[in-house]
């Protein structure tokens, strides 16, 4: 049985800024669709053929979301599994994005996190083991998740 995340949908204020963030993190991503509804609201799909992030323009210019990882309702973060976190860190840091990585010294995975222009937290995880029991180990230091 196939189970995979096909897309996640985020409502953001700075639509073009978040698009730039995603295209910086993943140069292989592309804009799959960019549309404006009759009411003027815009939505964009950014990603690959198999998976993407759906971005919708926020209605309110003033309403802000809570800070990620602070126990408030809503999306905490989105995480992507990648082959190598180093080039993603280099691209995002060079482009001026805020590194929100917490100390993590897990022997079987390396994780980095960055905030996009809207303050959303994006995590990138590189597994250093192919063994599920090591990849999914929760006893060793590597928190918060």
Protein backbone atom coordinates (compact mmCIF):
# COMPACT_ATOMS: atom_id res chain seq x y z
CA UNK A 1 0.00 0.00 0.00
CA UNK A 2 1.42 3.39 -1.01
CA UNK A 3 1.31 6.08 1.66
CA UNK A 4 3.13 9.35 1.21
CA UNK A 5 2.44 13.00 1.82
CA UNK A 6 1.33 14.42 -1.51
CA UNK A 7 1.20 18.06 -0.39
CA UNK A 8 0.84 20.40 2.54
CA UNK A 9 -1.15 23.64 2.27
CA UNK A 10 0.03 26.77 4.08
CA UNK A 11 -1.66 30.14 4.24
CA UNK A 12 1.02 32.85 4.22
CA UNK A 13 1.32 36.65 4.11
CA UNK A 14 4.48 36.91 1.99
CA UNK A 15 3.58 34.48 -0.80
CA UNK A 16 6.45 35.46 -3.10
CA UNK A 17 8.90 35.43 -0.18
CA UNK A 18 7.95 31.90 0.82
CA UNK A 19 8.20 30.80 -2.84
CA UNK A 20 11.75 32.24 -2.96
CA UNK A 21 12.57 30.39 0.29
CA UNK A 22 11.39 27.04 -1.11
CA UNK A 23 13.16 27.52 -4.44
CA UNK A 24 16.36 28.44 -2.56
CA UNK A 25 16.16 25.34 -0.37
CA UNK A 26 15.29 23.11 -3.32
CA UNK A 27 16.53 24.43 -6.68
CA UNK A 28 14.93 21.40 -8.33
CA UNK A 29 11.46 22.61 -7.24
CA UNK A 30 9.40 24.56 -9.73
CA UNK A 31 6.15 26.49 -9.68
CA UNK A 32 3.64 23.87 -10.78
CA UNK A 33 0.70 26.27 -10.83
CA UNK A 34 0.09 29.94 -10.02
CA UNK A 35 -3.51 31.17 -10.00
CA UNK A 36 -5.54 34.16 -8.92
CA UNK A 37 -9.18 33.58 -8.01
CA UNK A 38 -11.99 35.95 -9.07
CA UNK A 39 -11.94 37.43 -5.52
CA UNK A 40 -8.26 38.37 -6.02
CA UNK A 41 -6.81 35.69 -3.75
CA UNK A 42 -3.73 33.94 -5.09
CA UNK A 43 -2.55 30.39 -4.62
CA UNK A 44 0.59 28.63 -5.86
CA UNK A 45 1.81 25.03 -5.96
CA UNK A 46 5.62 24.74 -5.58
CA UNK A 47 7.41 21.40 -5.80
CA UNK A 48 7.95 18.34 -7.93
CA UNK A 49 5.60 16.11 -9.91
CA UNK A 50 5.16 13.77 -6.92
CA UNK A 51 5.00 16.20 -4.01
CA UNK A 52 4.53 19.92 -3.47
CA UNK A 53 3.71 22.71 -1.07
CA UNK A 54 0.46 24.55 -1.73
CA UNK A 55 0.66 28.20 -0.70
CA UNK A 56 -2.39 30.39 -0.30
CA UNK A 57 -2.32 34.17 0.16
CA UNK A 58 -3.51 35.16 3.65
CA UNK A 59 -6.63 37.34 3.73
CA UNK A 60 -5.55 39.56 6.61
CA UNK A 61 -2.45 41.70 6.25
CA UNK A 62 -2.19 42.18 10.01
CA UNK A 63 -3.06 38.83 11.60
CA UNK A 64 0.12 36.91 12.44
CA UNK A 65 0.57 33.29 13.42
CA UNK A 66 2.09 32.26 16.72
CA UNK A 67 5.78 31.46 17.04
CA UNK A 68 6.51 27.86 15.93
CA UNK A 69 7.27 25.28 18.63
CA UNK A 70 5.64 27.35 21.40
CA UNK A 71 2.67 25.10 22.18
CA UNK A 72 0.10 27.10 20.24
CA UNK A 73 -2.44 25.40 17.96
CA UNK A 74 -1.52 25.20 14.31
CA UNK A 75 1.32 23.85 12.25
CA UNK A 76 4.56 23.49 14.22
CA UNK A 77 6.87 22.85 11.26
CA UNK A 78 7.19 21.02 7.95
CA UNK A 79 10.06 18.55 7.57
CA UNK A 80 11.71 17.16 4.45
CA UNK A 81 14.01 14.15 4.33
CA UNK A 82 17.07 15.00 2.22
CA UNK A 83 20.29 13.27 1.19
CA UNK A 84 22.53 16.04 2.54
CA UNK A 85 21.60 18.97 4.78
CA UNK A 86 24.88 20.87 4.24
CA UNK A 87 24.11 22.40 0.81
CA UNK A 88 20.63 23.41 1.98
CA UNK A 89 22.11 25.16 5.01
CA UNK A 90 24.66 26.90 2.77
CA UNK A 91 22.04 28.11 0.26
CA UNK A 92 19.57 29.33 2.87
CA UNK A 93 22.25 31.00 5.03
CA UNK A 94 23.80 32.71 1.97
CA UNK A 95 20.35 34.02 1.03
CA UNK A 96 19.93 35.52 4.51
CA UNK A 97 17.28 33.21 5.96
CA UNK A 98 17.15 32.79 9.74
CA UNK A 99 18.68 29.53 10.98
CA UNK A 100 16.44 28.14 13.74
CA UNK A 101 18.38 24.90 14.23
CA UNK A 102 18.53 23.64 17.79
CA UNK A 103 21.57 21.68 19.00
CA UNK A 104 21.25 18.08 17.87
CA UNK A 105 23.91 15.42 18.21
CA UNK A 106 22.06 12.27 17.25
CA UNK A 107 24.37 9.61 15.77
CA UNK A 108 21.85 8.49 13.14
CA UNK A 109 20.39 11.76 11.83
CA UNK A 110 21.28 15.40 11.32
CA UNK A 111 18.56 18.03 11.35
CA UNK A 112 18.58 21.71 10.44
CA UNK A 113 15.75 24.23 10.56
CA UNK A 114 15.15 27.64 9.01
CA UNK A 115 12.41 30.25 9.22
CA UNK A 116 10.85 31.53 6.01
CA UNK A 117 9.85 35.23 5.64
CA UNK A 118 6.47 34.50 7.26
CA UNK A 119 8.11 32.92 10.35
CA UNK A 120 7.17 29.34 9.43
CA UNK A 121 9.72 26.78 10.56
CA UNK A 122 11.05 24.33 7.96
CA UNK A 123 13.09 21.30 9.00
CA UNK A 124 15.45 19.27 6.82
CA UNK A 125 16.57 15.86 8.10
CA UNK A 126 19.41 13.71 6.80
CA UNK A 127 19.38 10.13 8.04
CA UNK A 128 22.79 8.59 8.62
CA UNK A 129 21.49 5.04 8.89
CA UNK A 130 19.25 2.84 6.78
CA UNK A 131 18.09 0.86 9.81
CA UNK A 132 14.61 1.94 10.98
CA UNK A 133 15.41 1.21 14.63
CA UNK A 134 18.34 3.66 14.45
CA UNK A 135 16.59 6.28 12.30
CA UNK A 136 13.60 6.30 14.67
CA UNK A 137 15.53 6.17 17.93
CA UNK A 138 14.01 8.50 20.53
CA UNK A 139 16.27 7.66 23.48
CA UNK A 140 19.37 9.46 22.21
CA UNK A 141 19.75 13.26 22.31
CA UNK A 142 18.03 15.08 19.45
CA UNK A 143 15.08 16.98 20.87
CA UNK A 144 12.81 18.84 20.44
CA UNK A 145 11.12 17.11 17.48
